[in-house]
Structure formats: C-alpha cells, structure tokens
Protein backbone atom coordinates (compact mmCIF):
# COMPACT_ATOMS: atom_id res chain seq x y z
CA MET A 1 95.99 38.60 106.94
CA PRO A 2 93.56 40.42 109.12
CA VAL A 3 94.51 41.46 112.51
CA VAL A 4 91.77 38.90 114.14
CA LYS A 5 88.55 37.39 112.84
CA VAL A 6 85.65 38.42 115.10
CA LYS A 7 82.83 35.78 115.45
CA ASP A 8 79.67 37.89 115.54
CA ILE A 9 78.25 41.33 116.35
CA ALA A 10 77.68 41.89 119.99
CA TRP A 11 75.77 45.15 120.33
CA GLY A 12 74.97 48.57 119.22
CA ARG A 13 75.66 51.66 121.44
CA LEU A 14 73.47 54.65 121.27
CA ARG A 15 73.03 57.94 123.30
CA SER A 16 69.66 59.11 124.32
CA PRO A 17 68.38 61.96 126.65
CA ASP A 18 65.66 59.83 128.21
CA LEU A 19 66.18 56.26 129.30
CA ASP A 20 62.63 55.60 130.19
CA LYS A 21 61.47 56.67 126.72
CA GLN A 22 64.28 54.50 125.26
CA GLU A 23 63.31 51.53 127.18
CA GLU A 24 59.69 51.74 126.38
CA PHE A 25 60.45 51.59 122.81
CA LEU A 26 62.71 48.73 122.95
CA LEU A 27 60.12 46.91 125.00
CA ASP A 28 57.68 47.63 122.50
CA PHE A 29 60.15 46.53 119.83
CA GLY A 30 60.57 43.13 121.45
CA MET A 31 63.59 43.34 123.84
CA VAL A 32 63.77 42.61 127.53
CA ARG A 33 65.63 44.55 130.03
CA ALA A 34 69.04 42.92 131.10
CA ALA A 35 70.20 45.81 133.50
CA ARG A 36 69.91 49.55 134.02
CA THR A 37 72.14 51.84 135.97
CA LYS A 38 71.45 55.68 136.57
CA ASP A 39 72.98 56.67 133.29
CA LYS A 40 73.04 53.33 131.14
CA LEU A 41 70.36 50.84 129.83
CA PHE A 42 71.07 47.39 128.65
CA MET A 43 68.57 45.18 126.70
CA ARG A 44 68.76 41.81 125.66
CA GLY A 45 66.82 39.14 123.55
CA THR A 46 66.03 35.37 124.13
CA ASP A 47 69.41 34.06 123.13
CA PRO A 48 71.79 33.30 126.07
CA VAL A 49 73.64 36.63 125.63
CA HIS A 50 73.68 39.17 128.42
CA HIS A 51 72.73 42.28 126.13
CA LEU A 52 72.54 43.30 122.64
CA HIS A 53 71.65 46.98 122.76
CA VAL A 54 73.40 49.59 125.02
CA THR A 55 72.09 53.16 125.49
CA GLU A 56 73.94 55.92 127.44
CA LEU A 57 72.25 58.86 129.00
CA GLY A 58 72.92 62.09 127.08
CA GLU A 59 72.39 64.02 123.79
CA PRO A 60 71.08 61.77 121.03
CA GLY A 61 73.75 60.07 119.17
CA PHE A 62 75.17 56.93 117.66
CA ILE A 63 78.39 55.81 119.69
CA GLY A 64 79.40 52.67 117.89
CA LEU A 65 79.26 48.78 117.45
CA ALA A 66 80.72 45.90 119.31
CA TYR A 67 81.66 42.54 118.24
CA HIS A 68 82.54 39.22 119.82
CA ALA A 69 86.17 38.19 119.88
CA ALA A 70 86.96 34.55 118.96
CA SER A 71 89.35 34.33 121.74
CA GLU A 72 90.86 36.37 124.81
CA GLU A 73 94.23 36.30 122.91
CA ASP A 74 92.71 38.20 119.98
CA LEU A 75 92.03 41.18 122.23
CA HIS A 76 95.79 41.31 122.79
CA LYS A 77 96.28 41.29 119.37
CA LEU A 78 93.95 44.12 118.74
CA ALA A 79 95.46 46.20 121.53
CA LYS A 80 98.55 46.62 119.20
CA VAL A 81 96.57 48.34 116.39
CA GLU A 82 97.38 51.99 116.14
CA GLY A 83 94.98 54.11 118.37
CA ALA A 84 93.57 50.88 120.07
CA SER A 85 92.82 50.99 123.96
CA PRO A 86 94.65 48.49 126.20
CA VAL A 87 92.90 45.31 127.09
CA GLU A 88 90.56 46.58 129.76
CA ALA A 89 87.84 45.20 132.10
CA ILE A 90 84.33 46.20 131.03
CA ASP A 91 82.98 48.23 133.93
CA GLU A 92 79.37 47.61 133.07
CA PRO A 93 76.62 45.01 133.73
CA GLY A 94 77.65 41.88 131.75
CA GLY A 95 81.48 42.29 132.69
CA GLY A 96 84.03 40.75 130.43
CA LYS A 97 87.09 42.40 128.69
CA ARG A 98 87.30 44.59 125.71
CA VAL A 99 89.46 46.66 123.33
CA ARG A 100 88.20 49.86 122.01
CA LEU A 101 89.24 51.09 118.65
CA ARG A 102 88.09 53.89 116.13
CA GLU A 103 87.02 53.06 112.74
CA PRO A 104 87.61 55.57 109.92
CA ASN A 105 84.56 57.69 110.48
CA GLY A 106 85.24 58.16 114.16
CA TYR A 107 82.90 55.77 115.59
CA GLN A 108 83.74 53.49 118.61
CA ILE A 109 84.33 49.87 117.88
CA GLU A 110 84.46 47.53 120.76
CA VAL A 111 85.78 43.97 120.63
CA VAL A 112 84.63 41.98 123.76
CA TRP A 113 85.23 38.69 125.29
CA GLY A 114 84.18 36.89 128.45
CA LEU A 115 80.76 38.34 129.03
CA ASP A 116 78.67 36.95 131.74
CA LYS A 117 76.70 33.72 130.83
CA VAL A 118 72.98 33.94 131.04
CA ASP A 119 70.16 31.51 130.54
CA PRO A 120 68.04 31.82 127.27
CA LEU A 121 64.62 33.30 127.62
CA PRO A 122 61.54 30.71 126.99
CA VAL A 123 60.14 30.88 123.29
CA LYS A 124 57.02 29.08 122.52
CA ALA A 125 55.58 29.50 119.09
CA PRO A 126 53.12 27.12 117.16
CA VAL A 127 54.37 24.60 114.53
CA VAL A 128 53.72 25.72 110.93
CA ASN A 129 52.18 23.54 108.51
CA TRP A 130 53.76 23.77 105.11
CA GLY A 131 52.45 22.65 101.68
CA THR A 132 54.72 19.48 101.72
CA GLU A 133 54.20 18.91 105.18
CA LYS A 134 50.81 19.77 105.82
CA PHE A 135 50.20 17.60 109.00
CA ARG A 136 52.87 18.95 111.21
CA ARG A 137 50.41 20.62 113.37
CA ALA A 138 47.51 17.82 113.01
CA GLY A 139 44.90 18.47 115.38
CA ASP A 140 46.37 21.70 116.94
CA LEU A 141 45.16 25.00 116.39
CA TYR A 142 47.36 27.95 115.48
CA ARG A 143 46.78 31.00 117.73
CA ARG A 144 49.16 33.91 118.43
CA ALA A 145 48.26 36.62 120.95
CA ALA A 146 48.87 40.14 120.08
CA SER A 147 52.26 41.01 121.37
CA PRO A 148 55.71 42.74 120.39
CA SER A 149 57.98 40.46 118.29
CA MET A 150 60.44 38.34 120.24
CA VAL A 151 63.90 39.77 119.56
CA LYS A 152 66.38 36.78 119.29
CA LYS A 153 69.66 38.28 118.67
CA ILE A 154 71.32 41.17 117.08
CA GLY A 155 72.09 40.69 113.33
CA HIS A 156 74.05 43.53 111.69
CA GLY A 157 74.79 47.19 111.85
CA VAL A 158 74.91 49.56 108.73
CA LEU A 159 77.04 52.67 108.32
CA THR A 160 77.00 55.41 105.95
CA THR A 161 80.17 56.86 104.96
CA PRO A 162 81.92 59.18 102.38
CA ASP A 163 84.83 56.99 102.36
CA LEU A 164 83.36 53.47 101.64
CA VAL A 165 86.65 51.90 100.38
CA GLY A 166 88.70 53.05 103.23
CA THR A 167 85.98 51.94 105.68
CA LEU A 168 85.65 48.47 104.24
CA LYS A 169 89.42 48.17 104.18
CA TRP A 170 89.59 49.05 107.85
CA PHE A 171 86.93 46.48 108.86
CA ARG A 172 88.39 43.57 106.77
CA GLU A 173 91.87 43.97 107.59
CA THR A 174 91.14 44.73 111.44
CA LEU A 175 88.18 42.54 112.11
CA GLY A 176 88.52 39.97 109.34
CA PHE A 177 85.20 40.55 107.67
CA ILE A 178 84.82 39.14 104.06
CA CYS A 179 82.55 40.29 101.28
CA SER A 180 79.27 38.52 100.49
CA ASP A 181 78.04 41.18 98.06
CA ASP A 182 79.49 44.50 96.73
CA VAL A 183 77.25 46.83 94.87
CA TRP A 184 78.28 49.21 92.32
CA ALA A 185 76.83 51.91 90.08
CA GLY A 186 77.72 52.83 86.61
CA GLN A 187 80.99 50.75 86.34
CA PRO A 188 82.04 47.89 88.45
CA ASP A 189 84.91 49.94 90.18
CA HIS A 190 82.35 52.37 91.56
CA LEU A 191 81.34 50.84 94.74
CA ILE A 192 78.28 52.32 96.52
CA GLY A 193 77.51 49.50 99.08
CA SER A 194 78.98 46.42 100.56
CA PHE A 195 77.57 43.53 102.43
CA ASN A 196 80.24 41.68 104.48
CA ARG A 197 80.14 38.71 106.96
CA CYS A 198 82.20 37.21 109.58
CA ASP A 199 84.95 34.73 108.49
CA CYS A 200 84.37 31.63 110.76
CA GLY A 201 85.81 29.20 108.14
CA ASP A 202 83.61 26.21 107.37
CA GLU A 203 81.05 27.42 110.11
CA TYR A 204 77.92 29.08 108.55
CA VAL A 205 77.14 32.67 109.60
CA ASP A 206 74.49 35.22 108.73
CA HIS A 207 74.82 36.77 105.10
CA HIS A 208 76.11 40.05 106.60
CA VAL A 209 77.10 41.40 109.94
CA PHE A 210 78.18 44.62 108.56
CA PHE A 211 76.85 46.71 105.58
CA GLY A 212 78.46 49.95 104.36
CA ILE A 213 76.87 52.48 102.20
CA LEU A 214 78.52 55.37 100.28
CA SER A 215 76.93 58.63 101.27
CA PRO A 216 77.83 62.36 101.73
CA LYS A 217 77.03 62.01 105.48
CA LYS A 218 78.66 59.44 107.95
CA GLY A 219 76.62 57.85 110.74
CA LEU A 220 74.22 54.96 111.52
CA ASN A 221 71.75 53.92 108.89
CA HIS A 222 70.16 51.10 110.89
CA ILE A 223 70.98 48.32 113.47
CA SER A 224 69.22 45.07 112.76
CA PHE A 225 67.81 42.38 115.07
CA GLU A 226 66.65 38.78 114.25
CA VAL A 227 63.27 37.70 115.40
CA HIS A 228 62.05 34.17 115.56
CA ASP A 229 60.08 33.51 112.55
CA PHE A 230 57.82 35.28 109.74
CA ASP A 231 54.87 35.46 112.08
CA ASP A 232 56.84 37.27 114.57
CA VAL A 233 57.98 39.90 112.06
CA MET A 234 54.23 40.41 111.23
CA LEU A 235 53.13 40.38 114.98
CA GLY A 236 55.69 43.10 115.78
CA HIS A 237 54.59 45.21 112.96
CA GLU A 238 51.06 44.94 113.94
CA TYR A 239 51.85 45.88 117.70
CA LEU A 240 54.10 48.78 116.85
CA GLU A 241 51.47 50.22 114.15
CA LYS A 242 48.50 50.00 116.86
CA LYS A 243 50.76 51.79 119.46
CA GLY A 244 50.79 54.81 116.94
CA LYS A 245 53.86 56.27 118.51
CA TYR A 246 56.68 55.48 116.22
CA GLU A 247 57.70 56.10 112.57
CA HIS A 248 57.46 53.14 110.37
CA MET A 249 60.47 53.46 107.88
CA TRP A 250 59.97 50.64 105.42
CA GLY A 251 58.65 47.15 105.08
CA ILE A 252 57.30 44.40 105.53
CA GLY A 253 59.17 42.64 102.35
CA ARG A 254 61.94 40.24 101.47
CA HIS A 255 65.28 41.42 100.60
CA LEU A 256 67.16 40.14 97.41
CA LEU A 257 70.57 40.22 98.86
CA GLY A 258 70.48 38.39 102.32
CA SER A 259 66.84 37.15 101.55
CA GLN A 260 65.65 38.44 105.11
CA VAL A 261 61.88 39.24 105.65
CA PHE A 262 62.21 42.72 106.93
CA ASP A 263 60.44 45.58 108.80
CA TYR A 264 62.04 48.74 109.70
CA TRP A 265 61.08 51.34 112.74
CA ALA A 266 62.52 54.45 114.09
CA ASP A 267 63.06 55.01 117.72
CA PRO A 268 61.91 58.28 119.43
CA TRP A 269 65.13 59.90 118.21
CA GLY A 270 65.10 58.74 114.74
CA ARG A 271 67.57 55.65 115.11
CA VAL A 272 66.10 52.94 112.61
CA HIS A 273 65.70 49.57 114.18
CA GLU A 274 65.01 46.59 111.83
CA HIS A 275 63.10 43.15 112.59
CA TRP A 276 64.05 40.30 110.37
CA ALA A 277 63.76 36.67 109.89
CA ASP A 278 65.01 33.91 107.68
CA SER A 279 68.45 35.18 106.49
CA ASP A 280 70.96 33.47 104.10
CA VAL A 281 73.70 31.77 105.96
CA LEU A 282 77.03 31.24 104.28
CA ASN A 283 80.45 30.06 105.03
CA VAL A 284 83.95 30.86 103.52
CA LYS A 285 83.39 28.75 100.63
CA ASN A 286 80.54 30.73 99.27
CA GLY A 287 82.92 33.32 98.21
CA SER A 288 81.73 36.88 97.06
CA ASN A 289 79.59 38.42 94.48
CA SER A 290 79.41 41.89 92.66
CA MET A 291 76.20 43.24 91.31
CA PRO A 292 75.01 46.64 89.89
CA VAL A 293 72.82 48.62 91.99
CA HIS A 294 69.74 48.18 89.82
CA GLU A 295 69.62 44.46 90.36
CA ALA A 296 70.86 44.34 93.93
CA PHE A 297 68.85 46.78 95.98
CA GLN A 298 65.43 45.13 95.16
CA SER A 299 63.02 43.38 97.25
CA GLN A 300 61.91 39.91 96.16
CA TRP A 301 58.48 41.12 97.33
CA GLY A 302 57.16 44.12 99.01
CA GLU A 303 57.40 47.84 98.17
CA PRO A 304 60.75 49.35 97.04
CA ALA A 305 62.74 51.40 99.79
CA PRO A 306 61.15 54.88 100.27
CA GLN A 307 63.74 57.83 99.92
CA LYS A 308 63.44 58.56 103.64
CA PHE A 309 65.08 55.24 104.41
CA ILE A 310 67.67 55.32 101.61
CA GLU A 311 68.86 58.77 102.70
CA HIS A 312 68.80 58.24 106.59
CA THR A 313 71.69 58.70 108.69
CA SER A 314 71.78 59.14 112.41
CA PRO A 315 75.18 60.96 113.46
C-alpha cells in the first residue's frame, strides 16, 4: 500500500532571474496573476484554485512539483517518510500546509492541503455545432476574438531520469500513482516511459498526472496546462506565434496515449509549457496498459515530435 494517495497535481515550481519577463510569458500563455512578492510570482487559471504555477527569483532552474493531499491527515503520514519535512505552514500567498520531500532525482515534491479558496474566473465561449447536433447554436454567430488561451488548470508534470524504475517506484509507493500506460523498447522489461494517474478509486481522473521518461539527463521535460476547448488551443497558438518572442516546440496535434489535443511552447529560459484540451479520463477500474515505443509515441494526427522536444530537459 502507498503511504498516501494524492488527489491531483497542484503546481510546478521554477526559478527565473527576471520575474517581469516570466510573468509576461505566462500572461501571454493564458494565466492570470494570483499574487506577487519581491522574490516570488504566483499565477492561476480560471478554476477556483489559488495558484498553479510558482516562480522564485534566482538562476534559471526547475525546483519541483506539488500535489494536493486528499486529507490533512495524509500530511502527517507523509511527514514520517524518510527525509520528509515536518508538517509546516506555507509562508506564501495562498497559505495552507505542506510536507516537503525529495524524489529520487533530487527535486522537491510538495504535498499541500488547505489552500485559500478563491472564486472561479468567468469563462465565455460560443456553443459548438457538431455533425449530429447541428443546431446547438441556431441563429447565433461563432466569433472568437484574438487572445491568449484561457488556462483552466494544471494537468501534469514530466520528468526525465536515468533511473526510471526507481523514480516510478517512489512516486507510486509514496504518492499512490497508478500506471495508465508503460512504454517499452526492444523487450517489455526495458521500460523507457510511463504515464501515471492519481488513484481516486471510482472517481474519474486525467489519463496522467505524472509522466516519467528514461534519459541520460535528469530534469523537467515539460509542465502541462489544460485549456477550455480545441479552439482555445488554436487561439493560444496563433497568439503566441504572432508575438514572435517564444520558441514553439511541437504541435498542434492529438496524442495517442492520453488523447489530448496539444501545443508546446518554451518560456524565455527554455522551460517547456504545454496547452492541451480533451484528455482521456480513467478510474481505477480501467487498469494499466503496456505498449512498444513504435506504437505508443505517436500522434493520432499532427507532425511527429521533433528531436529538440524528445531530448529536451531543463535541470
């Protein structure tokens, strides 16, 4: 049995030398400022969660990932894990409590509880006519103004690691993740990637909240954020492309594993952020799968992943 079963991802935590520049990118990406101090930036989406992205002032780097605990009691269970911090008050905007741990690659993992409640932000998008429901928008025109995407929530974090088996073991045994899809090369016992979701029993959750990739380097491959619909992915792509300031890493396409419509962009220091919409949702009854790499890492449509994305790691 795992120590606890976390219920969702909470945020990614980065380090950047210029918070103004970081905020500009995240606003262009479709987030909203939740709070800012002299040395930290907190950004949110439209969901009623205080923040989903934290940037600390300093040399560029990836600090770690945070997850929501299912209960305050679970923090006390985690505090007993070797190397874990005590349960501590979070001295940052949003408040709450947390336990801090180190996963096998040395990155910080925060498990949090009791953050401040906030109101959702308004979202207004036209109704879409489908082939079998052609008159859902009868008499109304479909008009979307040029704008950034509307980030809704954080979806998942992806780590590269030379010790994939050990990393997966830690996340599954400590945070309760379960496998959605393992990916192998050569022989089924040679694991090169693994998509993992939260175990919330019969409750449906996103196909993956954590993806581990076998690599000579350890670090962050990307952080992913859900937007509201397919058009929102497209609008965000167009907006960022016209800005002409950020590197496009891959997209637009639809993944095979997870099924998301995706688009990837790098921030000013190369940390990759993904927009996605329309993920598969699974529960514990869906079990796990295993696939060879030549079948697994495909897009259902869209161009294949470029080498710069496949090999990307931000330490």
